[in-house]
N, C-alpha and C. Protein backbone atom coordinates (compact mmCIF):
# COMPACT_ATOMS: atom_id res chain seq x y z
N MET A 1 -55.44 -2.39 -29.38
CA MET A 1 -54.47 -3.48 -29.34
C MET A 1 -54.54 -4.28 -30.65
N THR A 2 -53.41 -4.80 -31.06
CA THR A 2 -53.37 -5.65 -32.23
C THR A 2 -53.81 -7.07 -31.85
N VAL A 3 -54.07 -7.88 -32.86
CA VAL A 3 -54.42 -9.28 -32.60
C VAL A 3 -53.28 -9.97 -31.86
N GLU A 4 -52.04 -9.69 -32.27
CA GLU A 4 -50.88 -10.30 -31.62
C GLU A 4 -50.80 -9.91 -30.15
N GLN A 5 -51.05 -8.64 -29.85
CA GLN A 5 -51.01 -8.18 -28.45
C GLN A 5 -52.12 -8.82 -27.63
N ILE A 6 -53.31 -8.91 -28.20
CA ILE A 6 -54.44 -9.52 -27.49
C ILE A 6 -54.15 -11.00 -27.23
N ALA A 7 -53.65 -11.70 -28.24
CA ALA A 7 -53.33 -13.12 -28.09
C ALA A 7 -52.29 -13.34 -27.00
N SER A 8 -51.25 -12.53 -27.02
CA SER A 8 -50.19 -12.65 -26.01
C SER A 8 -50.71 -12.35 -24.61
N GLN A 9 -51.51 -11.30 -24.49
CA GLN A 9 -52.05 -10.92 -23.18
C GLN A 9 -53.04 -11.96 -22.65
N LEU A 10 -53.90 -12.47 -23.53
CA LEU A 10 -54.86 -13.48 -23.09
C LEU A 10 -54.13 -14.75 -22.64
N ALA A 11 -53.13 -15.18 -23.39
CA ALA A 11 -52.36 -16.35 -22.99
C ALA A 11 -51.72 -16.14 -21.61
N ALA A 12 -51.17 -14.95 -21.38
CA ALA A 12 -50.56 -14.65 -20.07
C ALA A 12 -51.60 -14.68 -18.96
N TYR A 13 -52.75 -14.07 -19.18
CA TYR A 13 -53.80 -14.09 -18.16
C TYR A 13 -54.25 -15.53 -17.87
N CYS A 14 -54.42 -16.33 -18.92
CA CYS A 14 -54.86 -17.71 -18.71
C CYS A 14 -53.80 -18.52 -17.96
N ARG A 15 -52.53 -18.31 -18.28
CA ARG A 15 -51.46 -19.02 -17.56
C ARG A 15 -51.50 -18.71 -16.07
N ASN A 16 -51.92 -17.51 -15.73
CA ASN A 16 -52.01 -17.08 -14.33
C ASN A 16 -53.41 -17.27 -13.75
N GLU A 17 -54.29 -17.93 -14.51
CA GLU A 17 -55.67 -18.21 -14.10
C GLU A 17 -56.42 -16.93 -13.77
N GLU A 18 -56.14 -15.86 -14.52
CA GLU A 18 -56.82 -14.57 -14.37
C GLU A 18 -57.88 -14.43 -15.46
N PHE A 19 -58.82 -15.36 -15.47
CA PHE A 19 -59.83 -15.42 -16.52
C PHE A 19 -60.78 -14.23 -16.45
N THR A 20 -61.17 -13.83 -15.26
CA THR A 20 -62.08 -12.68 -15.10
C THR A 20 -61.41 -11.41 -15.59
N ARG A 21 -60.16 -11.21 -15.23
CA ARG A 21 -59.43 -10.02 -15.68
C ARG A 21 -59.33 -9.99 -17.20
N ALA A 22 -59.09 -11.14 -17.80
CA ALA A 22 -59.02 -11.23 -19.26
C ALA A 22 -60.32 -10.77 -19.89
N GLN A 23 -61.44 -11.26 -19.36
CA GLN A 23 -62.74 -10.86 -19.90
C GLN A 23 -62.95 -9.36 -19.77
N GLN A 24 -62.65 -8.81 -18.61
CA GLN A 24 -62.87 -7.38 -18.37
C GLN A 24 -62.07 -6.51 -19.33
N GLU A 25 -60.83 -6.92 -19.61
CA GLU A 25 -59.93 -6.07 -20.40
C GLU A 25 -59.94 -6.35 -21.89
N LEU A 26 -60.20 -7.59 -22.29
CA LEU A 26 -59.97 -7.96 -23.68
C LEU A 26 -61.22 -8.28 -24.50
N TYR A 27 -62.36 -8.44 -23.85
CA TYR A 27 -63.57 -8.87 -24.54
C TYR A 27 -64.51 -7.72 -24.87
N ALA A 28 -65.19 -7.84 -26.01
CA ALA A 28 -66.22 -6.88 -26.42
C ALA A 28 -67.49 -7.12 -25.60
N GLU A 29 -68.30 -6.09 -25.46
CA GLU A 29 -69.55 -6.19 -24.69
C GLU A 29 -70.50 -7.24 -25.28
N ASP A 30 -70.43 -7.45 -26.59
CA ASP A 30 -71.34 -8.41 -27.23
C ASP A 30 -70.64 -9.72 -27.59
N ALA A 31 -69.58 -10.05 -26.90
CA ALA A 31 -68.81 -11.27 -27.17
C ALA A 31 -69.67 -12.52 -27.01
N VAL A 32 -69.29 -13.56 -27.76
CA VAL A 32 -70.01 -14.84 -27.75
C VAL A 32 -69.02 -15.94 -27.38
N SER A 33 -69.49 -16.90 -26.59
CA SER A 33 -68.70 -18.06 -26.20
C SER A 33 -69.44 -19.32 -26.65
N ILE A 34 -68.73 -20.22 -27.34
CA ILE A 34 -69.35 -21.44 -27.86
C ILE A 34 -68.59 -22.66 -27.30
N GLU A 35 -69.32 -23.51 -26.61
CA GLU A 35 -68.77 -24.74 -26.04
C GLU A 35 -68.88 -25.87 -27.08
N PRO A 36 -68.09 -26.94 -26.93
CA PRO A 36 -68.14 -28.02 -27.91
C PRO A 36 -69.43 -28.83 -27.88
N TYR A 37 -70.09 -28.83 -26.74
CA TYR A 37 -71.35 -29.57 -26.60
C TYR A 37 -72.09 -29.04 -25.38
N ASP A 38 -73.38 -29.37 -25.32
CA ASP A 38 -74.17 -28.96 -24.16
C ASP A 38 -73.64 -29.66 -22.92
N THR A 39 -73.46 -28.90 -21.86
CA THR A 39 -72.99 -29.41 -20.59
C THR A 39 -74.04 -29.07 -19.54
N PRO A 40 -74.41 -30.01 -18.68
CA PRO A 40 -75.41 -29.69 -17.66
C PRO A 40 -75.05 -28.41 -16.90
N GLY A 41 -76.00 -27.48 -16.86
CA GLY A 41 -75.80 -26.23 -16.15
C GLY A 41 -75.20 -25.12 -17.00
N PHE A 42 -74.79 -25.43 -18.24
CA PHE A 42 -74.19 -24.45 -19.12
C PHE A 42 -74.84 -24.52 -20.50
N GLU A 43 -74.98 -23.36 -21.12
CA GLU A 43 -75.52 -23.29 -22.47
C GLU A 43 -74.41 -23.62 -23.46
N LYS A 44 -74.76 -24.16 -24.61
CA LYS A 44 -73.77 -24.39 -25.66
C LYS A 44 -73.23 -23.05 -26.17
N GLU A 45 -74.09 -22.04 -26.23
CA GLU A 45 -73.67 -20.71 -26.67
C GLU A 45 -74.10 -19.67 -25.65
N THR A 46 -73.16 -18.83 -25.25
CA THR A 46 -73.41 -17.77 -24.29
C THR A 46 -73.12 -16.44 -24.98
N GLN A 47 -74.04 -15.48 -24.86
CA GLN A 47 -73.89 -14.20 -25.55
C GLN A 47 -73.85 -13.05 -24.57
N GLY A 48 -72.92 -12.14 -24.81
CA GLY A 48 -72.81 -10.93 -24.00
C GLY A 48 -71.79 -11.07 -22.89
N LEU A 49 -71.04 -9.98 -22.66
CA LEU A 49 -69.96 -10.02 -21.67
C LEU A 49 -70.45 -10.35 -20.27
N GLU A 50 -71.57 -9.79 -19.86
CA GLU A 50 -72.07 -10.08 -18.51
C GLU A 50 -72.41 -11.56 -18.36
N ALA A 51 -72.99 -12.16 -19.40
CA ALA A 51 -73.32 -13.59 -19.36
C ALA A 51 -72.04 -14.43 -19.34
N LEU A 52 -71.00 -13.99 -20.05
CA LEU A 52 -69.71 -14.70 -20.03
C LEU A 52 -69.08 -14.63 -18.65
N LYS A 53 -69.18 -13.46 -18.00
CA LYS A 53 -68.65 -13.33 -16.64
C LYS A 53 -69.39 -14.25 -15.68
N GLU A 54 -70.70 -14.37 -15.84
CA GLU A 54 -71.49 -15.25 -14.99
C GLU A 54 -71.10 -16.71 -15.23
N LYS A 55 -70.86 -17.07 -16.48
CA LYS A 55 -70.42 -18.42 -16.83
C LYS A 55 -69.09 -18.72 -16.14
N ASP A 56 -68.17 -17.76 -16.14
CA ASP A 56 -66.88 -17.92 -15.48
C ASP A 56 -67.06 -18.10 -13.97
N ARG A 57 -67.92 -17.29 -13.36
CA ARG A 57 -68.18 -17.41 -11.91
C ARG A 57 -68.77 -18.78 -11.59
N LYS A 58 -69.69 -19.24 -12.42
CA LYS A 58 -70.34 -20.52 -12.19
C LYS A 58 -69.33 -21.67 -12.29
N PHE A 59 -68.48 -21.63 -13.32
CA PHE A 59 -67.47 -22.67 -13.46
C PHE A 59 -66.52 -22.65 -12.26
N SER A 60 -66.06 -21.47 -11.88
CA SER A 60 -65.12 -21.35 -10.75
C SER A 60 -65.73 -21.88 -9.46
N SER A 61 -67.03 -21.69 -9.28
CA SER A 61 -67.69 -22.17 -8.06
C SER A 61 -67.75 -23.69 -8.01
N MET A 62 -67.58 -24.34 -9.16
CA MET A 62 -67.61 -25.80 -9.23
C MET A 62 -66.24 -26.43 -9.01
N VAL A 63 -65.19 -25.59 -8.99
CA VAL A 63 -63.82 -26.09 -8.84
C VAL A 63 -63.47 -26.16 -7.35
N GLU A 64 -63.02 -27.33 -6.93
CA GLU A 64 -62.59 -27.51 -5.54
C GLU A 64 -61.13 -27.11 -5.37
N SER A 65 -60.26 -27.56 -6.29
CA SER A 65 -58.83 -27.26 -6.22
C SER A 65 -58.25 -27.10 -7.62
N ARG A 66 -57.28 -26.18 -7.74
CA ARG A 66 -56.55 -25.99 -9.00
C ARG A 66 -55.10 -26.36 -8.75
N TYR A 67 -54.53 -27.10 -9.71
CA TYR A 67 -53.15 -27.55 -9.58
C TYR A 67 -52.26 -27.00 -10.68
N GLY A 68 -52.80 -26.11 -11.50
CA GLY A 68 -51.99 -25.48 -12.55
C GLY A 68 -52.69 -25.43 -13.88
N THR A 69 -52.32 -24.42 -14.65
CA THR A 69 -52.85 -24.22 -15.99
C THR A 69 -51.69 -23.95 -16.92
N THR A 70 -51.69 -24.61 -18.07
CA THR A 70 -50.68 -24.35 -19.08
C THR A 70 -51.37 -23.89 -20.36
N VAL A 71 -50.66 -23.03 -21.09
CA VAL A 71 -51.18 -22.48 -22.34
C VAL A 71 -50.05 -22.50 -23.37
N SER A 72 -50.34 -23.03 -24.54
CA SER A 72 -49.34 -23.02 -25.61
C SER A 72 -49.16 -21.60 -26.13
N ASP A 73 -48.13 -21.40 -26.93
CA ASP A 73 -47.98 -20.12 -27.60
C ASP A 73 -49.12 -19.96 -28.60
N PRO A 74 -49.66 -18.76 -28.73
CA PRO A 74 -50.75 -18.54 -29.68
C PRO A 74 -50.30 -18.71 -31.14
N ILE A 75 -51.22 -19.18 -31.95
CA ILE A 75 -51.05 -19.23 -33.40
C ILE A 75 -52.03 -18.21 -33.97
N ILE A 76 -51.53 -17.31 -34.82
CA ILE A 76 -52.34 -16.19 -35.31
C ILE A 76 -52.51 -16.29 -36.82
N ALA A 77 -53.73 -16.08 -37.28
CA ALA A 77 -54.04 -16.04 -38.71
C ALA A 77 -55.06 -14.92 -38.93
N GLY A 78 -54.59 -13.79 -39.41
CA GLY A 78 -55.49 -12.66 -39.63
C GLY A 78 -56.06 -12.16 -38.33
N ASN A 79 -57.38 -12.16 -38.20
CA ASN A 79 -58.07 -11.68 -37.00
C ASN A 79 -58.45 -12.82 -36.05
N VAL A 80 -57.87 -13.99 -36.27
CA VAL A 80 -58.18 -15.16 -35.45
C VAL A 80 -56.89 -15.69 -34.84
N PHE A 81 -56.99 -16.15 -33.59
CA PHE A 81 -55.85 -16.83 -32.97
C PHE A 81 -56.35 -17.99 -32.14
N SER A 82 -55.44 -18.90 -31.86
CA SER A 82 -55.80 -20.06 -31.06
C SER A 82 -54.62 -20.47 -30.20
N PHE A 83 -54.93 -21.23 -29.16
CA PHE A 83 -53.91 -21.88 -28.35
C PHE A 83 -54.53 -23.08 -27.66
N VAL A 84 -53.68 -23.96 -27.15
CA VAL A 84 -54.15 -25.11 -26.39
C VAL A 84 -54.04 -24.76 -24.91
N LEU A 85 -55.14 -24.94 -24.19
CA LEU A 85 -55.20 -24.66 -22.76
C LEU A 85 -55.43 -25.97 -22.02
N SER A 86 -54.60 -26.24 -21.02
CA SER A 86 -54.76 -27.44 -20.19
C SER A 86 -54.87 -27.01 -18.74
N MET A 87 -55.89 -27.51 -18.06
CA MET A 87 -56.09 -27.20 -16.64
C MET A 87 -56.06 -28.50 -15.84
N ASP A 88 -55.27 -28.52 -14.81
CA ASP A 88 -55.20 -29.64 -13.88
C ASP A 88 -56.01 -29.21 -12.66
N LEU A 89 -57.16 -29.86 -12.45
CA LEU A 89 -58.03 -29.42 -11.37
C LEU A 89 -58.89 -30.54 -10.82
N LYS A 90 -59.51 -30.24 -9.71
CA LYS A 90 -60.46 -31.16 -9.09
C LYS A 90 -61.78 -30.42 -8.98
N MET A 91 -62.77 -30.96 -9.68
CA MET A 91 -64.11 -30.40 -9.60
C MET A 91 -64.79 -30.99 -8.36
N LYS A 92 -65.67 -30.23 -7.75
CA LYS A 92 -66.38 -30.71 -6.56
C LYS A 92 -67.11 -32.01 -6.90
N GLY A 93 -66.93 -33.01 -6.05
CA GLY A 93 -67.61 -34.29 -6.22
C GLY A 93 -67.00 -35.19 -7.28
N ARG A 94 -65.85 -34.82 -7.83
CA ARG A 94 -65.20 -35.63 -8.86
C ARG A 94 -63.73 -35.84 -8.52
N GLU A 95 -63.11 -36.73 -9.24
CA GLU A 95 -61.68 -36.98 -9.09
C GLU A 95 -60.89 -35.87 -9.77
N ARG A 96 -59.64 -35.71 -9.35
CA ARG A 96 -58.74 -34.78 -10.01
C ARG A 96 -58.60 -35.18 -11.48
N GLU A 97 -58.60 -34.19 -12.37
CA GLU A 97 -58.50 -34.49 -13.80
C GLU A 97 -57.77 -33.36 -14.53
N LYS A 98 -57.34 -33.69 -15.73
CA LYS A 98 -56.71 -32.69 -16.59
C LYS A 98 -57.63 -32.45 -17.78
N MET A 99 -58.05 -31.20 -17.95
CA MET A 99 -58.91 -30.83 -19.06
C MET A 99 -58.06 -30.09 -20.10
N THR A 100 -58.11 -30.54 -21.33
CA THR A 100 -57.35 -29.91 -22.40
C THR A 100 -58.30 -29.54 -23.52
N GLU A 101 -58.16 -28.31 -24.01
CA GLU A 101 -59.03 -27.86 -25.10
C GLU A 101 -58.27 -26.93 -26.04
N LEU A 102 -58.72 -26.93 -27.28
CA LEU A 102 -58.23 -25.97 -28.26
C LEU A 102 -59.17 -24.76 -28.17
N CYS A 103 -58.61 -23.60 -27.95
CA CYS A 103 -59.38 -22.37 -27.79
C CYS A 103 -59.14 -21.50 -29.02
N VAL A 104 -60.22 -21.08 -29.67
CA VAL A 104 -60.12 -20.26 -30.87
C VAL A 104 -60.86 -18.94 -30.63
N TYR A 105 -60.19 -17.84 -30.94
CA TYR A 105 -60.72 -16.50 -30.66
C TYR A 105 -60.75 -15.66 -31.93
N HIS A 106 -61.79 -14.86 -32.07
CA HIS A 106 -61.92 -13.93 -33.19
C HIS A 106 -61.88 -12.52 -32.62
N VAL A 107 -61.06 -11.66 -33.24
CA VAL A 107 -60.88 -10.29 -32.78
C VAL A 107 -61.43 -9.32 -33.81
N LYS A 108 -62.14 -8.31 -33.32
CA LYS A 108 -62.66 -7.25 -34.19
C LYS A 108 -62.55 -5.93 -33.43
N ASP A 109 -62.06 -4.91 -34.07
CA ASP A 109 -61.93 -3.58 -33.47
C ASP A 109 -61.19 -3.61 -32.13
N GLY A 110 -60.15 -4.43 -32.04
CA GLY A 110 -59.31 -4.46 -30.85
C GLY A 110 -59.88 -5.19 -29.65
N LYS A 111 -60.93 -5.99 -29.85
CA LYS A 111 -61.53 -6.76 -28.75
C LYS A 111 -61.88 -8.16 -29.23
N ILE A 112 -61.89 -9.11 -28.30
CA ILE A 112 -62.33 -10.47 -28.62
C ILE A 112 -63.85 -10.45 -28.75
N VAL A 113 -64.34 -10.90 -29.91
CA VAL A 113 -65.79 -10.91 -30.14
C VAL A 113 -66.37 -12.32 -30.07
N SER A 114 -65.49 -13.33 -30.18
CA SER A 114 -65.98 -14.69 -29.99
C SER A 114 -64.86 -15.61 -29.54
N GLU A 115 -65.27 -16.61 -28.79
CA GLU A 115 -64.37 -17.68 -28.37
C GLU A 115 -65.11 -18.99 -28.61
N GLN A 116 -64.37 -19.98 -29.05
CA GLN A 116 -64.96 -21.30 -29.26
C GLN A 116 -63.97 -22.35 -28.79
N PHE A 117 -64.49 -23.36 -28.10
CA PHE A 117 -63.65 -24.38 -27.49
C PHE A 117 -63.90 -25.72 -28.13
N PHE A 118 -62.81 -26.48 -28.34
CA PHE A 118 -62.87 -27.83 -28.92
C PHE A 118 -62.12 -28.76 -27.99
N MET A 119 -62.75 -29.90 -27.68
CA MET A 119 -62.13 -30.89 -26.79
C MET A 119 -62.00 -32.21 -27.52
């Protein structure tokens, strides 16, 4: 897949909240995920596809209700693309909130090798 195809497919999966499917199909086995800061229960940097899948499961288990996810059109520069992702959700034990982040992805050999989030 080209960077453009990966960016388009990932945006579509995220719009449909198919995060696990996106990881299975679009990520490299040695992919890395970098959060903007240390969050209780999560590492700032997660390495390896299995660890990323576990991170996704852990986050999903903390969500009580989802009210929608929006994703901007991807912006592509060489082997890197980004988009803005906004999730309207209620985390267990918290008030409903909207989380917005800039998501930046690096592609190598037809797979996402890193993702980094900025809030």
